[in-house]
Amino acid sequence: MQIAQQNPLLKGIIAAGLSLLFAGLGHLFLKQYVRGFVFLLISGFIYMISGYWLRGMLLNSLCFIVAAFDAFSFARRGYGIL
């Protein structure tokens, strides 16, 4: 993992990939704990209330995508999109 610490592009790709798995994991990888837990709570809450409702699942997918873009942006520039 030392290569990821030196290369911000690779670090951003890893963070975005983790956030696509579950929103907030990429931020936790980047040691942005507050943002990570906020995304985890939001996506967990949406998952709990949506059940298998199609619009809820789409909203949760949108949350994952926003978290991935935010994590990638934070790794590359030092600040996110939100």
C-alpha atoms as a PDB file:
ATOM      1  CA  MET A   1       0.000   0.000   0.000  1.00  0.00           C
ATOM      2  CA  GLN A   2       2.987   2.331   0.059  1.00  0.00           C
ATOM      3  CA  ILE A   3       2.541   3.005  -3.672  1.00  0.00           C
ATOM      4  CA  ALA A   4      -0.999   4.280  -3.018  1.00  0.00           C
ATOM      5  CA  GLN A   5       0.333   6.735  -0.459  1.00  0.00           C
ATOM      6  CA  GLN A   6       2.740   8.236  -2.973  1.00  0.00           C
ATOM      7  CA  ASN A   7       0.456   8.320  -6.019  1.00  0.00           C
ATOM      8  CA  PRO A   8      -2.702  10.440  -5.523  1.00  0.00           C
ATOM      9  CA  LEU A   9      -4.319   9.058  -8.697  1.00  0.00           C
ATOM     10  CA  LEU A  10      -4.033   5.465  -7.480  1.00  0.00           C
ATOM     11  CA  LYS A  11      -5.169   6.513  -4.029  1.00  0.00           C
ATOM     12  CA  GLY A  12      -8.214   8.209  -5.579  1.00  0.00           C
ATOM     13  CA  ILE A  13      -9.082   5.161  -7.665  1.00  0.00           C
ATOM     14  CA  ILE A  14      -8.871   2.876  -4.628  1.00  0.00           C
ATOM     15  CA  ALA A  15     -10.995   5.277  -2.556  1.00  0.00           C
ATOM     16  CA  ALA A  16     -13.615   5.564  -5.310  1.00  0.00           C
ATOM     17  CA  GLY A  17     -13.751   1.794  -5.717  1.00  0.00           C
ATOM     18  CA  LEU A  18     -14.260   1.294  -1.998  1.00  0.00           C
ATOM     19  CA  SER A  19     -17.019   3.904  -1.984  1.00  0.00           C
ATOM     20  CA  LEU A  20     -18.748   2.112  -4.837  1.00  0.00           C
ATOM     21  CA  LEU A  21     -18.752  -1.064  -2.734  1.00  0.00           C
ATOM     22  CA  PHE A  22     -20.395   0.818   0.128  1.00  0.00           C
ATOM     23  CA  ALA A  23     -20.640   4.566   0.558  1.00  0.00           C
ATOM     24  CA  GLY A  24     -18.157   5.895   3.091  1.00  0.00           C
ATOM     25  CA  LEU A  25     -15.515   3.176   2.870  1.00  0.00           C
ATOM     26  CA  GLY A  26     -13.353   5.268   0.554  1.00  0.00           C
ATOM     27  CA  HIS A  27     -13.426   8.178   2.983  1.00  0.00           C
ATOM     28  CA  LEU A  28     -12.432   5.878   5.822  1.00  0.00           C
ATOM     29  CA  PHE A  29      -9.521   4.692   3.643  1.00  0.00           C
ATOM     30  CA  LEU A  30      -8.506   8.336   3.234  1.00  0.00           C
ATOM     31  CA  LYS A  31      -8.770   8.866   7.014  1.00  0.00           C
ATOM     32  CA  GLN A  32     -11.677  11.292   6.599  1.00  0.00           C
ATOM     33  CA  TYR A  33     -13.641   9.700   9.409  1.00  0.00           C
ATOM     34  CA  VAL A  34     -16.434  12.264   9.785  1.00  0.00           C
ATOM     35  CA  ARG A  35     -17.312  12.221   6.082  1.00  0.00           C
ATOM     36  CA  GLY A  36     -17.004   8.457   6.000  1.00  0.00           C
ATOM     37  CA  PHE A  37     -19.386   7.924   8.897  1.00  0.00           C
ATOM     38  CA  VAL A  38     -21.849  10.484   7.495  1.00  0.00           C
ATOM     39  CA  PHE A  39     -21.976   8.625   4.182  1.00  0.00           C
ATOM     40  CA  LEU A  40     -22.233   5.293   6.020  1.00  0.00           C
ATOM     41  CA  LEU A  41     -25.132   6.570   8.113  1.00  0.00           C
ATOM     42  CA  ILE A  42     -26.967   8.089   5.152  1.00  0.00           C
ATOM     43  CA  SER A  43     -26.637   5.018   2.962  1.00  0.00           C
ATOM     44  CA  GLY A  44     -27.454   2.688   5.860  1.00  0.00           C
ATOM     45  CA  PHE A  45     -30.557   4.706   6.684  1.00  0.00           C
ATOM     46  CA  ILE A  46     -31.708   4.705   3.053  1.00  0.00           C
ATOM     47  CA  TYR A  47     -31.089   0.959   2.868  1.00  0.00           C
ATOM     48  CA  MET A  48     -33.073   0.314   6.048  1.00  0.00           C
ATOM     49  CA  ILE A  49     -36.123   2.341   5.039  1.00  0.00           C
ATOM     50  CA  SER A  50     -36.162   1.348   1.366  1.00  0.00           C
ATOM     51  CA  GLY A  51     -36.387  -2.403   1.683  1.00  0.00           C
ATOM     52  CA  TYR A  52     -36.536  -3.542  -1.920  1.00  0.00           C
ATOM     53  CA  TRP A  53     -38.382  -0.470  -3.138  1.00  0.00           C
ATOM     54  CA  LEU A  54     -36.938   0.426  -6.540  1.00  0.00           C
ATOM     55  CA  ARG A  55     -36.727   4.183  -5.952  1.00  0.00           C
ATOM     56  CA  GLY A  56     -35.024   3.638  -2.611  1.00  0.00           C
ATOM     57  CA  MET A  57     -32.443   1.348  -4.176  1.00  0.00           C
ATOM     58  CA  LEU A  58     -31.800   3.910  -6.928  1.00  0.00           C
ATOM     59  CA  LEU A  59     -31.406   6.631  -4.303  1.00  0.00           C
ATOM     60  CA  ASN A  60     -28.929   4.451  -2.432  1.00  0.00           C
ATOM     61  CA  SER A  61     -27.006   3.801  -5.669  1.00  0.00           C
ATOM     62  CA  LEU A  62     -26.887   7.556  -6.255  1.00  0.00           C
ATOM     63  CA  CYS A  63     -25.483   7.995  -2.751  1.00  0.00           C
ATOM     64  CA  PHE A  64     -22.739   5.439  -3.558  1.00  0.00           C
ATOM     65  CA  ILE A  65     -21.850   7.286  -6.773  1.00  0.00           C
ATOM     66  CA  VAL A  66     -21.716  10.692  -5.054  1.00  0.00           C
ATOM     67  CA  ALA A  67     -19.552   9.200  -2.297  1.00  0.00           C
ATOM     68  CA  ALA A  68     -17.203   7.705  -4.918  1.00  0.00           C
ATOM     69  CA  PHE A  69     -16.813  11.033  -6.742  1.00  0.00           C
ATOM     70  CA  ASP A  70     -16.296  12.834  -3.433  1.00  0.00           C
ATOM     71  CA  ALA A  71     -13.660  10.343  -2.257  1.00  0.00           C
ATOM     72  CA  PHE A  72     -11.821  10.499  -5.584  1.00  0.00           C
ATOM     73  CA  SER A  73     -11.908  14.285  -5.543  1.00  0.00           C
ATOM     74  CA  PHE A  74     -10.687  14.404  -1.961  1.00  0.00           C
ATOM     75  CA  ALA A  75      -7.764  12.084  -2.725  1.00  0.00           C
ATOM     76  CA  ARG A  76      -6.712  14.069  -5.775  1.00  0.00           C
ATOM     77  CA  ARG A  77      -7.311  17.698  -4.705  1.00  0.00           C
ATOM     78  CA  GLY A  78      -7.510  17.624  -0.940  1.00  0.00           C
ATOM     79  CA  TYR A  79     -11.191  18.653  -0.832  1.00  0.00           C
ATOM     80  CA  GLY A  80     -14.328  16.930  -1.976  1.00  0.00           C
ATOM     81  CA  ILE A  81     -17.258  17.944  -4.115  1.00  0.00           C
ATOM     82  CA  LEU A  82     -19.536  18.466  -1.122  1.00  0.00           C
END
